[in-house]
Amino acid sequence: AEPFPWARIGTPALLRHAGAGGWRTADQWGAEGRTFVSLRRPVRERSARTSSQSAESAKSAPEISSQLPK
């Protein structure tokens, strides 16, 4: 997937770009005036991995980003 300027866009735009790249929103929350979004990587085709790799990807940590309010 092509990189996108996540630090320069708002949360709605981040979620649109992430969704277009196949990422899914795992969680979204706010704390102390900041917005946080947790994204999960796209799942690869089953034929390209073993069952143990599938179990590992299910336990993988989400990618986390934060943005200060404008």
PDB file of N, CA and C in Angstrom:
ATOM      1  N   ALA A   1       0.840  -1.189   0.000  1.00  0.00           N
ATOM      2  CA  ALA A   1       0.000   0.000   0.000  1.00  0.00           C
ATOM      3  C   ALA A   1       0.879   1.244   0.000  1.00  0.00           C
ATOM      4  N   GLU A   2       0.372   2.267  -0.609  1.00  0.00           N
ATOM      5  CA  GLU A   2       1.090   3.538  -0.647  1.00  0.00           C
ATOM      6  C   GLU A   2       1.023   4.217   0.720  1.00  0.00           C
ATOM      7  N   PRO A   3       2.121   4.829   1.170  1.00  0.00           N
ATOM      8  CA  PRO A   3       2.079   5.573   2.429  1.00  0.00           C
ATOM      9  C   PRO A   3       1.188   6.808   2.276  1.00  0.00           C
ATOM     10  N   PHE A   4       0.617   7.252   3.369  1.00  0.00           N
ATOM     11  CA  PHE A   4      -0.180   8.466   3.329  1.00  0.00           C
ATOM     12  C   PHE A   4       0.236   9.359   4.495  1.00  0.00           C
ATOM     13  N   PRO A   5      -0.003  10.666   4.386  1.00  0.00           N
ATOM     14  CA  PRO A   5       0.472  11.625   5.385  1.00  0.00           C
ATOM     15  C   PRO A   5      -0.398  11.628   6.640  1.00  0.00           C
ATOM     16  N   TRP A   6      -0.376  10.548   7.404  1.00  0.00           N
ATOM     17  CA  TRP A   6      -1.269  10.399   8.549  1.00  0.00           C
ATOM     18  C   TRP A   6      -1.117  11.519   9.569  1.00  0.00           C
ATOM     19  N   ALA A   7       0.062  12.091   9.724  1.00  0.00           N
ATOM     20  CA  ALA A   7       0.279  13.136  10.730  1.00  0.00           C
ATOM     21  C   ALA A   7      -0.297  14.474  10.285  1.00  0.00           C
ATOM     22  N   ARG A   8      -0.723  14.583   9.047  1.00  0.00           N
ATOM     23  CA  ARG A   8      -1.193  15.859   8.525  1.00  0.00           C
ATOM     24  C   ARG A   8      -2.670  15.847   8.166  1.00  0.00           C
ATOM     25  N   ILE A   9      -3.367  14.815   8.532  1.00  0.00           N
ATOM     26  CA  ILE A   9      -4.789  14.731   8.211  1.00  0.00           C
ATOM     27  C   ILE A   9      -5.573  14.476   9.490  1.00  0.00           C
ATOM     28  N   GLY A  10      -6.852  14.799   9.464  1.00  0.00           N
ATOM     29  CA  GLY A  10      -7.702  14.550  10.615  1.00  0.00           C
ATOM     30  C   GLY A  10      -8.110  13.091  10.699  1.00  0.00           C
ATOM     31  N   THR A  11      -8.750  12.755  11.798  1.00  0.00           N
ATOM     32  CA  THR A  11      -9.159  11.373  12.025  1.00  0.00           C
ATOM     33  C   THR A  11     -10.093  10.847  10.932  1.00  0.00           C
ATOM     34  N   PRO A  12     -11.132  11.601  10.521  1.00  0.00           N
ATOM     35  CA  PRO A  12     -12.003  11.074   9.462  1.00  0.00           C
ATOM     36  C   PRO A  12     -11.231  10.759   8.179  1.00  0.00           C
ATOM     37  N   ALA A  13     -10.301  11.648   7.795  1.00  0.00           N
ATOM     38  CA  ALA A  13      -9.507  11.407   6.587  1.00  0.00           C
ATOM     39  C   ALA A  13      -8.572  10.218   6.788  1.00  0.00           C
ATOM     40  N   LEU A  14      -7.992  10.098   7.977  1.00  0.00           N
ATOM     41  CA  LEU A  14      -7.128   8.951   8.269  1.00  0.00           C
ATOM     42  C   LEU A  14      -7.902   7.651   8.083  1.00  0.00           C
ATOM     43  N   LEU A  15      -9.111   7.597   8.619  1.00  0.00           N
ATOM     44  CA  LEU A  15      -9.917   6.382   8.511  1.00  0.00           C
ATOM     45  C   LEU A  15     -10.292   6.088   7.058  1.00  0.00           C
ATOM     46  N   ARG A  16     -10.570   7.134   6.266  1.00  0.00           N
ATOM     47  CA  ARG A  16     -10.863   6.924   4.835  1.00  0.00           C
ATOM     48  C   ARG A  16      -9.644   6.359   4.113  1.00  0.00           C
ATOM     49  N   HIS A  17      -8.476   6.983   4.328  1.00  0.00           N
ATOM     50  CA  HIS A  17      -7.248   6.511   3.677  1.00  0.00           C
ATOM     51  C   HIS A  17      -6.909   5.085   4.120  1.00  0.00           C
ATOM     52  N   ALA A  18      -7.035   4.829   5.411  1.00  0.00           N
ATOM     53  CA  ALA A  18      -6.723   3.495   5.932  1.00  0.00           C
ATOM     54  C   ALA A  18      -7.652   2.455   5.317  1.00  0.00           C
ATOM     55  N   GLY A  19      -8.946   2.760   5.277  1.00  0.00           N
ATOM     56  CA  GLY A  19      -9.912   1.832   4.691  1.00  0.00           C
ATOM     57  C   GLY A  19      -9.639   1.567   3.224  1.00  0.00           C
ATOM     58  N   ALA A  20      -9.266   2.614   2.495  1.00  0.00           N
ATOM     59  CA  ALA A  20      -8.944   2.452   1.077  1.00  0.00           C
ATOM     60  C   ALA A  20      -7.714   1.569   0.884  1.00  0.00           C
ATOM     61  N   GLY A  21      -6.827   1.560   1.887  1.00  0.00           N
ATOM     62  CA  GLY A  21      -5.626   0.729   1.816  1.00  0.00           C
ATOM     63  C   GLY A  21      -5.823  -0.662   2.383  1.00  0.00           C
ATOM     64  N   GLY A  22      -7.060  -0.973   2.784  1.00  0.00           N
ATOM     65  CA  GLY A  22      -7.347  -2.304   3.294  1.00  0.00           C
ATOM     66  C   GLY A  22      -7.211  -2.445   4.802  1.00  0.00           C
ATOM     67  N   TRP A  23      -6.799  -1.382   5.503  1.00  0.00           N
ATOM     68  CA  TRP A  23      -6.688  -1.436   6.960  1.00  0.00           C
ATOM     69  C   TRP A  23      -8.082  -1.343   7.556  1.00  0.00           C
ATOM     70  N   ARG A  24      -8.250  -1.918   8.733  1.00  0.00           N
ATOM     71  CA  ARG A  24      -9.545  -1.800   9.408  1.00  0.00           C
ATOM     72  C   ARG A  24      -9.354  -1.142  10.766  1.00  0.00           C
ATOM     73  N   THR A  25     -10.382  -0.431  11.201  1.00  0.00           N
ATOM     74  CA  THR A  25     -10.332   0.240  12.495  1.00  0.00           C
ATOM     75  C   THR A  25     -10.577  -0.788  13.587  1.00  0.00           C
ATOM     76  N   ALA A  26      -9.617  -0.938  14.493  1.00  0.00           N
ATOM     77  CA  ALA A  26      -9.769  -1.853  15.621  1.00  0.00           C
ATOM     78  C   ALA A  26     -10.385  -1.126  16.809  1.00  0.00           C
ATOM     79  N   ASP A  27     -10.063   0.166  16.959  1.00  0.00           N
ATOM     80  CA  ASP A  27     -10.579   0.941  18.084  1.00  0.00           C
ATOM     81  C   ASP A  27     -10.345   2.417  17.809  1.00  0.00           C
ATOM     82  N   GLN A  28     -11.125   3.258  18.467  1.00  0.00           N
ATOM     83  CA  GLN A  28     -10.960   4.705  18.371  1.00  0.00           C
ATOM     84  C   GLN A  28     -11.386   5.289  19.702  1.00  0.00           C
ATOM     85  N   TRP A  29     -10.588   6.204  20.276  1.00  0.00           N
ATOM     86  CA  TRP A  29     -10.902   6.775  21.572  1.00  0.00           C
ATOM     87  C   TRP A  29     -10.228   8.130  21.712  1.00  0.00           C
ATOM     88  N   GLY A  30     -10.603   8.855  22.749  1.00  0.00           N
ATOM     89  CA  GLY A  30      -9.997  10.144  23.040  1.00  0.00           C
ATOM     90  C   GLY A  30      -9.540  10.186  24.484  1.00  0.00           C
ATOM     91  N   ALA A  31      -8.488  10.959  24.739  1.00  0.00           N
ATOM     92  CA  ALA A  31      -7.975  11.147  26.098  1.00  0.00           C
ATOM     93  C   ALA A  31      -7.231  12.476  26.152  1.00  0.00           C
ATOM     94  N   GLU A  32      -7.546  13.277  27.148  1.00  0.00           N
ATOM     95  CA  GLU A  32      -6.873  14.557  27.367  1.00  0.00           C
ATOM     96  C   GLU A  32      -6.862  15.425  26.112  1.00  0.00           C
ATOM     97  N   GLY A  33      -7.986  15.464  25.415  1.00  0.00           N
ATOM     98  CA  GLY A  33      -8.112  16.302  24.238  1.00  0.00           C
ATOM     99  C   GLY A  33      -7.456  15.763  22.982  1.00  0.00           C
ATOM    100  N   ARG A  34      -6.958  14.546  23.029  1.00  0.00           N
ATOM    101  CA  ARG A  34      -6.302  13.935  21.867  1.00  0.00           C
ATOM    102  C   ARG A  34      -7.152  12.783  21.359  1.00  0.00           C
ATOM    103  N   THR A  35      -7.100  12.562  20.055  1.00  0.00           N
ATOM    104  CA  THR A  35      -7.821  11.457  19.428  1.00  0.00           C
ATOM    105  C   THR A  35      -6.838  10.356  19.079  1.00  0.00           C
ATOM    106  N   PHE A  36      -7.216   9.125  19.363  1.00  0.00           N
ATOM    107  CA  PHE A  36      -6.378   7.963  19.073  1.00  0.00           C
ATOM    108  C   PHE A  36      -7.156   6.993  18.195  1.00  0.00           C
ATOM    109  N   VAL A  37      -6.447   6.350  17.282  1.00  0.00           N
ATOM    110  CA  VAL A  37      -7.044   5.359  16.394  1.00  0.00           C
ATOM    111  C   VAL A  37      -6.133   4.146  16.366  1.00  0.00           C
ATOM    112  N   SER A  38      -6.719   2.985  16.512  1.00  0.00           N
ATOM    113  CA  SER A  38      -5.981   1.727  16.423  1.00  0.00           C
ATOM    114  C   SER A  38      -6.404   1.041  15.134  1.00  0.00           C
ATOM    115  N   LEU A  39      -5.419   0.737  14.274  1.00  0.00           N
ATOM    116  CA  LEU A  39      -5.701   0.100  12.986  1.00  0.00           C
ATOM    117  C   LEU A  39      -5.103  -1.293  12.942  1.00  0.00           C
ATOM    118  N   ARG A  40      -5.763  -2.185  12.249  1.00  0.00           N
ATOM    119  CA  ARG A  40      -5.236  -3.535  12.021  1.00  0.00           C
ATOM    120  C   ARG A  40      -4.857  -3.666  10.560  1.00  0.00           C
ATOM    121  N   ARG A  41      -3.773  -4.370  10.340  1.00  0.00           N
ATOM    122  CA  ARG A  41      -3.300  -4.609   8.976  1.00  0.00           C
ATOM    123  C   ARG A  41      -4.267  -5.517   8.230  1.00  0.00           C
ATOM    124  N   PRO A  42      -4.254  -5.406   6.905  1.00  0.00           N
ATOM    125  CA  PRO A  42      -5.106  -6.309   6.118  1.00  0.00           C
ATOM    126  C   PRO A  42      -4.692  -7.764   6.332  1.00  0.00           C
ATOM    127  N   VAL A  43      -5.660  -8.647   6.293  1.00  0.00           N
ATOM    128  CA  VAL A  43      -5.390 -10.078   6.422  1.00  0.00           C
ATOM    129  C   VAL A  43      -4.982 -10.591   5.053  1.00  0.00           C
ATOM    130  N   ARG A  44      -3.895 -11.340   5.001  1.00  0.00           N
ATOM    131  CA  ARG A  44      -3.432 -11.911   3.730  1.00  0.00           C
ATOM    132  C   ARG A  44      -4.243 -13.146   3.381  1.00  0.00           C
ATOM    133  N   GLU A  45      -4.129 -13.549   2.147  1.00  0.00           N
ATOM    134  CA  GLU A  45      -4.829 -14.746   1.684  1.00  0.00           C
ATOM    135  C   GLU A  45      -4.400 -15.960   2.501  1.00  0.00           C
ATOM    136  N   ARG A  46      -5.347 -16.830   2.822  1.00  0.00           N
ATOM    137  CA  ARG A  46      -5.048 -18.019   3.630  1.00  0.00           C
ATOM    138  C   ARG A  46      -4.030 -18.927   2.969  1.00  0.00           C
ATOM    139  N   SER A  47      -4.074 -19.037   1.663  1.00  0.00           N
ATOM    140  CA  SER A  47      -3.167 -19.947   0.972  1.00  0.00           C
ATOM    141  C   SER A  47      -1.711 -19.507   1.096  1.00  0.00           C
ATOM    142  N   ALA A  48      -1.485 -18.257   1.463  1.00  0.00           N
ATOM    143  CA  ALA A  48      -0.123 -17.724   1.533  1.00  0.00           C
ATOM    144  C   ALA A  48       0.510 -17.894   2.911  1.00  0.00           C
ATOM    145  N   ARG A  49      -0.196 -18.514   3.853  1.00  0.00           N
ATOM    146  CA  ARG A  49       0.364 -18.672   5.193  1.00  0.00           C
ATOM    147  C   ARG A  49      -0.071 -19.990   5.822  1.00  0.00           C
ATOM    148  N   THR A  50       0.644 -20.384   6.853  1.00  0.00           N
ATOM    149  CA  THR A  50       0.308 -21.619   7.557  1.00  0.00           C
ATOM    150  C   THR A  50      -0.661 -21.315   8.685  1.00  0.00           C
ATOM    151  N   SER A  51      -1.223 -22.344   9.281  1.00  0.00           N
ATOM    152  CA  SER A  51      -2.162 -22.133  10.375  1.00  0.00           C
ATOM    153  C   SER A  51      -1.489 -21.490  11.579  1.00  0.00           C
ATOM    154  N   SER A  52      -0.212 -21.785  11.832  1.00  0.00           N
ATOM    155  CA  SER A  52       0.468 -21.152  12.966  1.00  0.00           C
ATOM    156  C   SER A  52       0.679 -19.670  12.706  1.00  0.00           C
ATOM    157  N   GLN A  53       0.925 -19.289  11.448  1.00  0.00           N
ATOM    158  CA  GLN A  53       1.044 -17.871  11.124  1.00  0.00           C
ATOM    159  C   GLN A  53      -0.301 -17.181  11.294  1.00  0.00           C
ATOM    160  N   SER A  54      -1.397 -17.868  10.966  1.00  0.00           N
ATOM    161  CA  SER A  54      -2.722 -17.296  11.139  1.00  0.00           C
ATOM    162  C   SER A  54      -2.984 -17.010  12.602  1.00  0.00           C
ATOM    163  N   ALA A  55      -2.612 -17.928  13.468  1.00  0.00           N
ATOM    164  CA  ALA A  55      -2.804 -17.731  14.903  1.00  0.00           C
ATOM    165  C   ALA A  55      -1.967 -16.565  15.397  1.00  0.00           C
ATOM    166  N   GLU A  56      -0.749 -16.437  14.898  1.00  0.00           N
ATOM    167  CA  GLU A  56       0.106 -15.327  15.309  1.00  0.00           C
ATOM    168  C   GLU A  56      -0.461 -13.983  14.869  1.00  0.00           C
ATOM    169  N   SER A  57      -0.983 -13.900  13.635  1.00  0.00           N
ATOM    170  CA  SER A  57      -1.510 -12.624  13.165  1.00  0.00           C
ATOM    171  C   SER A  57      -2.755 -12.222  13.944  1.00  0.00           C
ATOM    172  N   ALA A  58      -3.527 -13.184  14.428  1.00  0.00           N
ATOM    173  CA  ALA A  58      -4.697 -12.870  15.234  1.00  0.00           C
ATOM    174  C   ALA A  58      -4.300 -12.258  16.567  1.00  0.00           C
ATOM    175  N   LYS A  59      -3.094 -12.572  17.041  1.00  0.00           N
ATOM    176  CA  LYS A  59      -2.618 -12.035  18.316  1.00  0.00           C
ATOM    177  C   LYS A  59      -1.769 -10.782  18.135  1.00  0.00           C
ATOM    178  N   SER A  60      -1.554 -10.353  16.894  1.00  0.00           N
ATOM    179  CA  SER A  60      -0.665  -9.221  16.651  1.00  0.00           C
ATOM    180  C   SER A  60      -1.256  -7.933  17.211  1.00  0.00           C
ATOM    181  N   ALA A  61      -0.388  -7.060  17.659  1.00  0.00           N
ATOM    182  CA  ALA A  61      -0.818  -5.787  18.222  1.00  0.00           C
ATOM    183  C   ALA A  61      -1.267  -4.851  17.107  1.00  0.00           C
ATOM    184  N   PRO A  62      -2.296  -4.050  17.362  1.00  0.00           N
ATOM    185  CA  PRO A  62      -2.724  -3.090  16.351  1.00  0.00           C
ATOM    186  C   PRO A  62      -1.709  -1.964  16.210  1.00  0.00           C
ATOM    187  N   GLU A  63      -1.722  -1.308  15.057  1.00  0.00           N
ATOM    188  CA  GLU A  63      -0.910  -0.117  14.847  1.00  0.00           C
ATOM    189  C   GLU A  63      -1.660   1.033  15.503  1.00  0.00           C
ATOM    190  N   ILE A  64      -0.981   1.879  16.254  1.00  0.00           N
ATOM    191  CA  ILE A  64      -1.648   2.953  16.984  1.00  0.00           C
ATOM    192  C   ILE A  64      -1.097   4.294  16.542  1.00  0.00           C
ATOM    193  N   SER A  65      -1.998   5.253  16.352  1.00  0.00           N
ATOM    194  CA  SER A  65      -1.627   6.602  15.955  1.00  0.00           C
ATOM    195  C   SER A  65      -2.397   7.585  16.819  1.00  0.00           C
ATOM    196  N   SER A  66      -1.834   8.745  17.044  1.00  0.00           N
ATOM    197  CA  SER A  66      -2.556   9.784  17.770  1.00  0.00           C
ATOM    198  C   SER A  66      -2.467  11.081  16.996  1.00  0.00           C
ATOM    199  N   GLN A  67      -3.392  11.968  17.282  1.00  0.00           N
ATOM    200  CA  GLN A  67      -3.403  13.263  16.621  1.00  0.00           C
ATOM    201  C   GLN A  67      -3.820  14.312  17.625  1.00  0.00           C
ATOM    202  N   LEU A  68      -3.078  15.402  17.693  1.00  0.00           N
ATOM    203  CA  LEU A  68      -3.467  16.526  18.535  1.00  0.00           C
ATOM    204  C   LEU A  68      -4.617  17.259  17.865  1.00  0.00           C
ATOM    205  N   PRO A  69      -5.573  17.788  18.648  1.00  0.00           N
ATOM    206  CA  PRO A  69      -6.675  18.532  18.037  1.00  0.00           C
ATOM    207  C   PRO A  69      -6.161  19.811  17.387  1.00  0.00           C
ATOM    208  N   LYS A  70      -6.839  20.230  16.347  1.00  0.00           N
ATOM    209  CA  LYS A  70      -6.451  21.469  15.644  1.00  0.00           C
ATOM    210  C   LYS A  70      -7.171  22.654  16.216  1.00  0.00           C
TER     211      LYS A  70
END
